Amino acid sequence: MIHGILLEPSLNLFLSWLLVGLWVIFTIITIAKIRTYRQFNSPHNTSFFVLGVPTIGLFYLYCGYYSELSNFYLFTNIQYFPSVSAWILIFSVPYLLYSLYSLFICIKKFRVVYIYKDRSLDAKKFSLFYLIWIFICNIIFVVIIISRMEMVLFTPVIVYPGLELILYNIFIFILIVYSIVKIRSRAAAFSRELIAQRRAQIESIQNTPVRVQRTTSSSRSSKARQQKRSTKTKPKSKPKPKHKQTPKSHTLSKAEKKKLFQKVQSMRPKTSKLTIDDFKCIFCFSLPQYPKDQGKGIVLCPHCNYPAHADEFKEWVANSKLCSRCGSELPSSFRRNPRIISVKFYTRVIQYFRKKEKF
């Protein structure tokens, strides 16, 4: 900054040094985030990795074409070969590479992306939209630098696309095609599953024997005789049919039903679109089963409501204060005495949400 103010007074150099200082701060925060998430084995499907890292990389990529701080370029002596700016190579390329990795993992592995706290979007569709948006922005930027248009009182120092911008657009285009293929394959697999379920239902209906009630003439005549006798002799009092009373323990009042409904709704994992994977244990990635897991118990995170087997949860909180799924800090009282749900009841909760949200 002293260089841009005193040595060579220039607004371009001053802002360039200011961006270098901000880059150092961003890098320290990013490295700390990556270490924290790896330490607690948390997934990187949050807005910081999916939105923040690519945005920083693109910002410093675009600034590299206007900054006068670094006048060193690679491959400038080779004819018809795109040059590489030292500014972009140092400040932008690491973020661009990590953003490509994050978006690739998001398309391949994750089902949802958490944009803000517990608000989530479909991972593959969001990645496709974001990749297309980046590709369009890069094309517009190429047109701007070729036409030498001014951006906030600055003219571009590099007037043609560099090697890093060309390669980045190629990888972005490959990821766009890959995400489209993944979305179509998922839709095809889902439709095949629905067709198989429908065929199984039709076959079960066809295989069930139809019972035809045959009424013989003798049964009809006996019924007619009984009706005649009943009309001749009218009893004084008709015996009331005795209904078997159901035990009170099985009948629920409206208040109890409402309370049970609220309890089940409070166990829903906090995501926009439920899948069967949202009910799997966050440690062993297996679905709770009854009576196989009887006696283990289920613990739900108080922040994201994702389940874990009670024994595995207690082992985890012995060494960590954060949730392995959402990364939120767990209260000390909850770590000491977590609320344990029976596996039998939680399997019924899973069946309820599968029927309600049809997944």
Protein backbone atom coordinates (compact mmCIF):
# COMPACT_ATOMS: atom_id res chain seq x y z
CA MET A 1 0.00 0.00 0.00
CA ILE A 2 2.97 2.34 0.70
CA HIS A 3 4.19 1.44 -2.79
CA GLY A 4 0.88 2.61 -4.28
CA ILE A 5 0.75 5.82 -2.21
CA LEU A 6 4.35 7.09 -1.80
CA LEU A 7 6.76 5.27 -4.12
CA GLU A 8 4.60 5.15 -7.24
CA PRO A 9 1.37 7.03 -6.55
CA SER A 10 -1.27 5.03 -8.37
CA LEU A 11 -4.82 4.04 -7.49
CA ASN A 12 -4.34 0.77 -9.37
CA LEU A 13 -1.28 -0.21 -7.32
CA PHE A 14 -2.92 0.89 -4.07
CA LEU A 15 -6.00 -1.27 -4.68
CA SER A 16 -3.82 -4.16 -5.87
CA TRP A 17 -1.87 -4.21 -2.58
CA LEU A 18 -5.14 -3.91 -0.67
CA LEU A 19 -6.45 -6.99 -2.51
CA VAL A 20 -3.24 -8.86 -1.64
CA GLY A 21 -3.87 -8.20 2.06
CA LEU A 22 -7.48 -9.35 1.76
CA TRP A 23 -6.30 -12.47 -0.08
CA VAL A 24 -4.06 -13.37 2.87
CA ILE A 25 -7.02 -13.02 5.26
CA PHE A 26 -9.29 -15.11 2.99
CA THR A 27 -6.63 -17.80 2.70
CA ILE A 28 -6.16 -18.07 6.48
CA ILE A 29 -9.93 -18.39 6.98
CA THR A 30 -10.23 -21.00 4.21
CA ILE A 31 -7.40 -23.16 5.57
CA ALA A 32 -8.90 -22.98 9.08
CA LYS A 33 -12.31 -24.01 7.72
CA ILE A 34 -10.85 -26.96 5.82
CA ARG A 35 -8.94 -28.18 8.89
CA THR A 36 -12.03 -27.91 11.10
CA TYR A 37 -14.24 -29.81 8.67
CA ARG A 38 -11.64 -32.53 8.16
CA GLN A 39 -11.08 -32.86 11.90
CA PHE A 40 -14.77 -33.52 12.54
CA ASN A 41 -15.32 -35.46 9.30
CA SER A 42 -17.99 -33.00 8.18
CA PRO A 43 -19.12 -32.82 4.53
CA HIS A 44 -18.07 -29.81 2.46
CA ASN A 45 -21.54 -29.17 1.02
CA THR A 46 -21.94 -25.73 2.58
CA SER A 47 -22.15 -22.30 0.98
CA PHE A 48 -18.60 -21.41 2.05
CA PHE A 49 -17.01 -24.14 -0.10
CA VAL A 50 -19.56 -24.23 -2.94
CA LEU A 51 -20.14 -20.47 -3.30
CA GLY A 52 -17.40 -18.65 -1.38
CA VAL A 53 -14.30 -20.35 -2.77
CA PRO A 54 -15.32 -20.10 -6.47
CA THR A 55 -16.32 -16.45 -6.00
CA ILE A 56 -12.91 -15.54 -4.53
CA GLY A 57 -11.14 -17.38 -7.35
CA LEU A 58 -13.18 -15.65 -10.05
CA PHE A 59 -12.76 -12.23 -8.43
CA TYR A 60 -8.95 -12.46 -8.36
CA LEU A 61 -8.95 -13.96 -11.86
CA TYR A 62 -10.77 -10.93 -13.23
CA CYS A 63 -8.65 -8.50 -11.18
CA GLY A 64 -5.50 -10.05 -12.64
CA TYR A 65 -6.39 -8.66 -16.06
CA TYR A 66 -6.53 -5.10 -14.65
CA SER A 67 -3.83 -5.09 -11.97
CA GLU A 68 -0.54 -3.30 -12.69
CA LEU A 69 1.21 -4.83 -9.69
CA SER A 70 2.58 -7.90 -11.45
CA ASN A 71 4.04 -7.33 -14.91
CA PHE A 72 5.57 -10.81 -15.08
CA TYR A 73 3.98 -13.21 -17.59
CA LEU A 74 4.91 -16.75 -18.55
CA PHE A 75 5.13 -18.06 -22.14
CA THR A 76 5.18 -14.55 -23.63
CA ASN A 77 8.00 -15.46 -26.05
CA ILE A 78 6.09 -18.36 -27.60
CA GLN A 79 4.09 -17.23 -30.60
CA TYR A 80 0.35 -18.03 -30.70
CA PHE A 81 0.49 -19.37 -27.14
CA PRO A 82 -1.63 -17.79 -24.38
CA SER A 83 0.39 -16.17 -21.61
CA VAL A 84 -0.04 -16.80 -17.89
CA SER A 85 -0.13 -13.93 -15.41
CA ALA A 86 1.87 -14.34 -12.21
CA TRP A 87 -0.93 -12.55 -10.30
CA ILE A 88 -3.54 -15.05 -11.49
CA LEU A 89 -1.21 -18.00 -10.96
CA ILE A 90 -0.58 -17.06 -7.31
CA PHE A 91 -3.84 -15.51 -6.13
CA SER A 92 -6.53 -17.09 -8.30
CA VAL A 93 -5.52 -20.55 -9.55
CA PRO A 94 -5.48 -22.27 -6.10
CA TYR A 95 -9.06 -21.12 -5.43
CA LEU A 96 -10.17 -22.05 -8.95
CA LEU A 97 -8.77 -25.58 -8.61
CA TYR A 98 -10.41 -26.08 -5.22
CA SER A 99 -13.71 -24.73 -6.58
CA LEU A 100 -13.62 -27.27 -9.42
CA TYR A 101 -13.00 -30.04 -6.89
CA SER A 102 -15.83 -28.82 -4.62
CA LEU A 103 -18.35 -28.64 -7.46
CA PHE A 104 -17.29 -32.05 -8.78
CA ILE A 105 -17.77 -33.66 -5.34
CA CYS A 106 -21.06 -31.81 -4.98
CA ILE A 107 -22.34 -33.32 -8.25
CA LYS A 108 -20.99 -36.81 -7.63
CA LYS A 109 -21.50 -37.36 -3.90
CA PHE A 110 -23.92 -34.95 -2.23
CA ARG A 111 -27.69 -34.82 -2.52
CA VAL A 112 -28.21 -31.36 -1.01
CA VAL A 113 -26.23 -28.14 -0.58
CA TYR A 114 -26.76 -26.00 2.51
CA ILE A 115 -27.00 -22.40 1.32
CA TYR A 116 -27.87 -20.69 4.60
CA LYS A 117 -27.95 -22.56 7.91
CA ASP A 118 -30.53 -25.36 7.42
CA ARG A 119 -31.89 -24.12 4.08
CA SER A 120 -30.81 -26.56 1.40
CA LEU A 121 -31.11 -27.07 -2.35
CA ASP A 122 -30.72 -30.06 -4.64
CA ALA A 123 -26.94 -30.45 -5.07
CA LYS A 124 -26.85 -31.51 -8.71
CA LYS A 125 -29.35 -28.93 -9.97
CA PHE A 126 -27.71 -26.15 -7.98
CA SER A 127 -24.25 -27.11 -9.29
CA LEU A 128 -25.54 -27.17 -12.87
CA PHE A 129 -27.10 -23.71 -12.51
CA TYR A 130 -23.99 -22.28 -10.84
CA LEU A 131 -21.63 -23.76 -13.45
CA ILE A 132 -23.69 -22.32 -16.30
CA TRP A 133 -23.68 -18.94 -14.56
CA ILE A 134 -19.86 -19.04 -14.19
CA PHE A 135 -19.44 -20.05 -17.84
CA ILE A 136 -21.64 -17.17 -19.03
CA CYS A 137 -19.76 -14.68 -16.81
CA ASN A 138 -16.43 -15.87 -18.23
CA ILE A 139 -17.66 -15.48 -21.82
CA ILE A 140 -18.88 -11.95 -21.07
CA PHE A 141 -15.53 -11.13 -19.42
CA VAL A 142 -13.61 -12.37 -22.48
CA VAL A 143 -15.67 -10.03 -24.67
CA ILE A 144 -14.95 -7.14 -22.27
CA ILE A 145 -11.17 -7.58 -22.25
CA ILE A 146 -10.95 -8.15 -26.01
CA SER A 147 -12.90 -4.95 -26.66
CA ARG A 148 -10.73 -3.17 -24.02
CA MET A 149 -13.69 -1.82 -22.12
CA GLU A 150 -13.04 0.12 -18.91
CA MET A 151 -14.09 -1.46 -15.61
CA VAL A 152 -14.49 1.12 -12.81
CA LEU A 153 -12.00 3.62 -14.35
CA PHE A 154 -9.45 0.88 -15.17
CA THR A 155 -8.54 -0.47 -18.60
CA PRO A 156 -7.40 -4.10 -18.94
CA VAL A 157 -3.66 -4.70 -18.89
CA ILE A 158 -4.07 -8.08 -20.62
CA VAL A 159 -6.21 -7.72 -23.75
CA TYR A 160 -6.62 -11.41 -24.65
CA PRO A 161 -7.66 -14.53 -22.71
CA GLY A 162 -4.86 -16.16 -20.77
CA LEU A 163 -4.13 -19.87 -20.56
CA GLU A 164 -5.68 -20.19 -17.10
CA LEU A 165 -9.00 -18.67 -18.24
CA ILE A 166 -9.15 -20.95 -21.29
CA LEU A 167 -8.44 -24.09 -19.25
CA TYR A 168 -10.89 -23.05 -16.54
CA ASN A 169 -13.68 -22.62 -19.11
CA ILE A 170 -12.90 -26.03 -20.59
CA PHE A 171 -13.17 -27.73 -17.18
CA ILE A 172 -16.36 -25.79 -16.41
CA PHE A 173 -17.90 -27.03 -19.67
CA ILE A 174 -16.90 -30.62 -18.85
CA LEU A 175 -18.54 -30.34 -15.42
CA ILE A 176 -21.72 -28.93 -17.01
CA VAL A 177 -21.97 -31.97 -19.29
CA TYR A 178 -21.18 -34.30 -16.39
CA SER A 179 -23.88 -32.75 -14.18
CA ILE A 180 -26.50 -33.05 -16.97
CA VAL A 181 -25.62 -36.74 -17.39
CA LYS A 182 -25.87 -37.35 -13.63
CA ILE A 183 -29.27 -35.62 -13.41
CA ARG A 184 -30.64 -37.65 -16.33
CA SER A 185 -29.27 -40.93 -14.99
CA ARG A 186 -30.81 -40.23 -11.59
CA ALA A 187 -34.19 -39.47 -13.19
CA ALA A 188 -33.98 -42.66 -15.26
CA ALA A 189 -33.12 -44.76 -12.21
CA PHE A 190 -35.98 -43.19 -10.28
CA SER A 191 -38.45 -43.90 -13.11
CA ARG A 192 -37.26 -47.52 -13.36
CA GLU A 193 -37.81 -47.92 -9.64
CA LEU A 194 -41.35 -46.56 -9.93
CA ILE A 195 -42.10 -48.89 -12.86
CA ALA A 196 -40.81 -51.89 -10.89
CA GLN A 197 -42.96 -50.95 -7.89
CA ARG A 198 -46.03 -50.56 -10.12
CA ARG A 199 -45.44 -53.94 -11.77
CA ALA A 200 -45.10 -55.59 -8.37
CA GLN A 201 -48.41 -54.06 -7.27
CA ILE A 202 -50.17 -55.26 -10.44
CA GLU A 203 -48.75 -58.77 -10.09
CA SER A 204 -49.81 -58.96 -6.46
CA ILE A 205 -53.35 -57.91 -7.44
CA GLN A 206 -53.48 -60.49 -10.24
CA ASN A 207 -52.19 -63.30 -8.03
CA THR A 208 -54.71 -62.77 -5.22
CA PRO A 209 -57.65 -65.24 -5.63
CA VAL A 210 -61.08 -63.69 -5.99
CA ARG A 211 -63.63 -65.16 -3.60
CA VAL A 212 -67.11 -65.50 -5.09
CA GLN A 213 -69.89 -65.90 -2.61
CA ARG A 214 -72.36 -68.51 -3.84
CA THR A 215 -75.79 -68.39 -2.30
CA THR A 216 -77.72 -71.64 -2.62
CA SER A 217 -81.46 -71.97 -2.75
CA SER A 218 -81.50 -73.78 0.59
CA SER A 219 -79.77 -70.88 2.33
CA ARG A 220 -82.21 -68.44 0.76
CA SER A 221 -85.22 -70.48 1.87
CA SER A 222 -83.86 -70.81 5.40
CA LYS A 223 -83.35 -67.04 5.56
CA ALA A 224 -86.93 -66.48 4.32
CA ARG A 225 -88.32 -68.84 6.97
CA GLN A 226 -86.41 -67.09 9.70
CA GLN A 227 -87.74 -63.73 8.50
CA LYS A 228 -91.35 -65.03 8.57
CA ARG A 229 -90.92 -66.39 12.08
CA SER A 230 -89.46 -63.11 13.23
CA THR A 231 -92.45 -61.20 11.82
CA LYS A 232 -94.97 -63.47 13.56
CA THR A 233 -93.36 -63.39 16.98
CA LYS A 234 -92.23 -59.90 17.85
CA PRO A 235 -90.00 -59.87 20.90
CA LYS A 236 -90.66 -57.26 23.49
CA SER A 237 -87.08 -56.08 23.70
CA LYS A 238 -84.37 -56.49 21.12
CA PRO A 239 -81.07 -57.60 22.55
CA LYS A 240 -78.41 -55.01 21.91
CA PRO A 241 -75.30 -56.31 20.22
CA LYS A 242 -72.34 -56.37 22.50
CA HIS A 243 -69.40 -54.48 21.10
CA LYS A 244 -65.99 -55.38 22.26
CA GLN A 245 -64.50 -52.42 23.99
CA THR A 246 -61.01 -51.58 22.92
CA PRO A 247 -58.61 -50.99 25.74
CA LYS A 248 -58.09 -47.38 26.69
CA SER A 249 -54.35 -47.60 26.14
CA HIS A 250 -54.84 -47.90 22.35
CA THR A 251 -57.28 -45.03 21.95
CA LEU A 252 -55.82 -41.54 21.75
CA SER A 253 -57.62 -38.32 22.38
CA LYS A 254 -57.33 -35.34 20.04
CA ALA A 255 -54.83 -33.67 22.33
CA GLU A 256 -52.68 -36.81 22.48
CA LYS A 257 -52.83 -37.24 18.69
CA LYS A 258 -51.80 -33.62 18.21
CA LYS A 259 -48.93 -34.05 20.65
CA LEU A 260 -47.78 -37.24 18.88
CA PHE A 261 -47.97 -35.51 15.49
CA GLN A 262 -45.85 -32.61 16.75
CA LYS A 263 -43.34 -35.05 18.21
CA VAL A 264 -42.98 -36.89 14.89
CA GLN A 265 -42.69 -33.64 12.94
CA SER A 266 -39.95 -32.44 15.28
CA MET A 267 -37.87 -35.48 14.28
CA ARG A 268 -37.80 -34.56 10.58
CA PRO A 269 -34.24 -33.94 9.34
CA LYS A 270 -33.80 -30.28 8.45
CA THR A 271 -33.59 -30.36 4.68
CA SER A 272 -35.84 -29.18 1.88
CA LYS A 273 -36.27 -32.55 0.15
CA LEU A 274 -36.11 -35.78 2.13
CA THR A 275 -34.43 -38.95 0.91
CA ILE A 276 -33.86 -42.29 2.57
CA ASP A 277 -30.20 -41.30 3.13
CA ASP A 278 -31.33 -38.54 5.51
CA PHE A 279 -32.44 -41.20 8.01
CA LYS A 280 -29.17 -43.16 7.99
CA CYS A 281 -26.77 -43.01 10.92
CA ILE A 282 -24.26 -40.18 10.40
CA PHE A 283 -21.43 -42.43 11.61
CA CYS A 284 -22.02 -45.92 10.18
CA PHE A 285 -24.27 -44.74 7.29
CA SER A 286 -26.74 -47.59 7.87
CA LEU A 287 -30.50 -47.31 8.22
CA PRO A 288 -31.90 -48.08 11.71
CA GLN A 289 -33.63 -51.47 11.64
CA TYR A 290 -35.95 -53.17 14.09
CA PRO A 291 -35.45 -55.66 15.76
CA LYS A 292 -31.85 -55.82 14.51
CA ASP A 293 -30.83 -52.60 16.31
CA GLN A 294 -33.08 -53.15 19.32
CA GLY A 295 -31.45 -51.82 22.48
CA LYS A 296 -29.09 -49.39 20.74
CA GLY A 297 -31.32 -46.34 20.65
CA ILE A 298 -31.23 -43.31 18.36
CA VAL A 299 -29.95 -39.80 19.14
CA LEU A 300 -30.94 -36.78 17.01
CA CYS A 301 -28.77 -33.70 16.68
CA PRO A 302 -30.64 -30.75 18.27
CA HIS A 303 -29.60 -28.52 15.34
CA CYS A 304 -30.04 -30.58 12.15
CA ASN A 305 -32.14 -33.55 13.46
CA TYR A 306 -29.94 -36.10 11.69
CA PRO A 307 -29.83 -39.48 13.48
CA ALA A 308 -27.00 -41.47 15.03
CA HIS A 309 -26.84 -44.68 17.01
CA ALA A 310 -26.61 -43.84 20.70
CA ASP A 311 -23.43 -45.84 21.36
CA GLU A 312 -21.61 -44.29 18.39
CA PHE A 313 -22.83 -40.82 19.37
CA LYS A 314 -21.44 -41.19 22.91
CA GLU A 315 -18.06 -42.26 21.52
CA TRP A 316 -18.05 -39.21 19.25
CA VAL A 317 -18.93 -36.60 21.90
CA ALA A 318 -16.22 -37.96 24.17
CA ASN A 319 -13.69 -36.30 21.84
CA SER A 320 -15.70 -33.63 20.06
CA LYS A 321 -18.15 -30.84 20.89
CA LEU A 322 -19.49 -30.47 17.33
CA CYS A 323 -22.08 -32.39 15.35
CA SER A 324 -20.44 -34.57 12.70
CA ARG A 325 -23.20 -33.73 10.22
CA CYS A 326 -23.83 -29.97 10.46
CA GLY A 327 -20.75 -28.84 12.41
CA SER A 328 -22.81 -27.00 15.05
CA GLU A 329 -21.70 -27.01 18.67
CA LEU A 330 -23.67 -29.40 20.89
CA PRO A 331 -24.82 -28.16 24.33
CA SER A 332 -22.87 -29.61 27.25
CA SER A 333 -26.07 -30.88 28.92
CA PHE A 334 -27.04 -32.68 25.71
CA ARG A 335 -23.59 -34.27 25.43
CA ARG A 336 -23.80 -35.55 29.02
CA ASN A 337 -27.39 -36.75 28.83
CA PRO A 338 -28.67 -37.01 25.23
CA ARG A 339 -32.30 -37.75 24.51
CA ILE A 340 -32.45 -41.36 23.30
CA ILE A 341 -35.29 -42.55 21.03
CA SER A 342 -36.19 -46.22 20.70
CA VAL A 343 -35.33 -47.84 17.38
CA LYS A 344 -38.84 -49.27 17.09
CA PHE A 345 -40.44 -45.83 17.30
CA TYR A 346 -37.90 -44.23 14.94
CA THR A 347 -38.50 -46.90 12.28
CA ARG A 348 -42.18 -45.95 12.41
CA VAL A 349 -41.18 -42.31 12.01
CA ILE A 350 -39.21 -43.25 8.88
CA GLN A 351 -42.22 -45.12 7.48
CA TYR A 352 -44.43 -42.11 8.17
CA PHE A 353 -42.18 -39.68 6.28
CA ARG A 354 -41.65 -42.14 3.41
CA LYS A 355 -45.41 -42.40 2.98
CA LYS A 356 -45.98 -38.66 3.41
CA GLU A 357 -43.21 -37.30 1.17
CA LYS A 358 -43.11 -40.32 -1.20
CA PHE A 359 -39.42 -41.17 -1.41
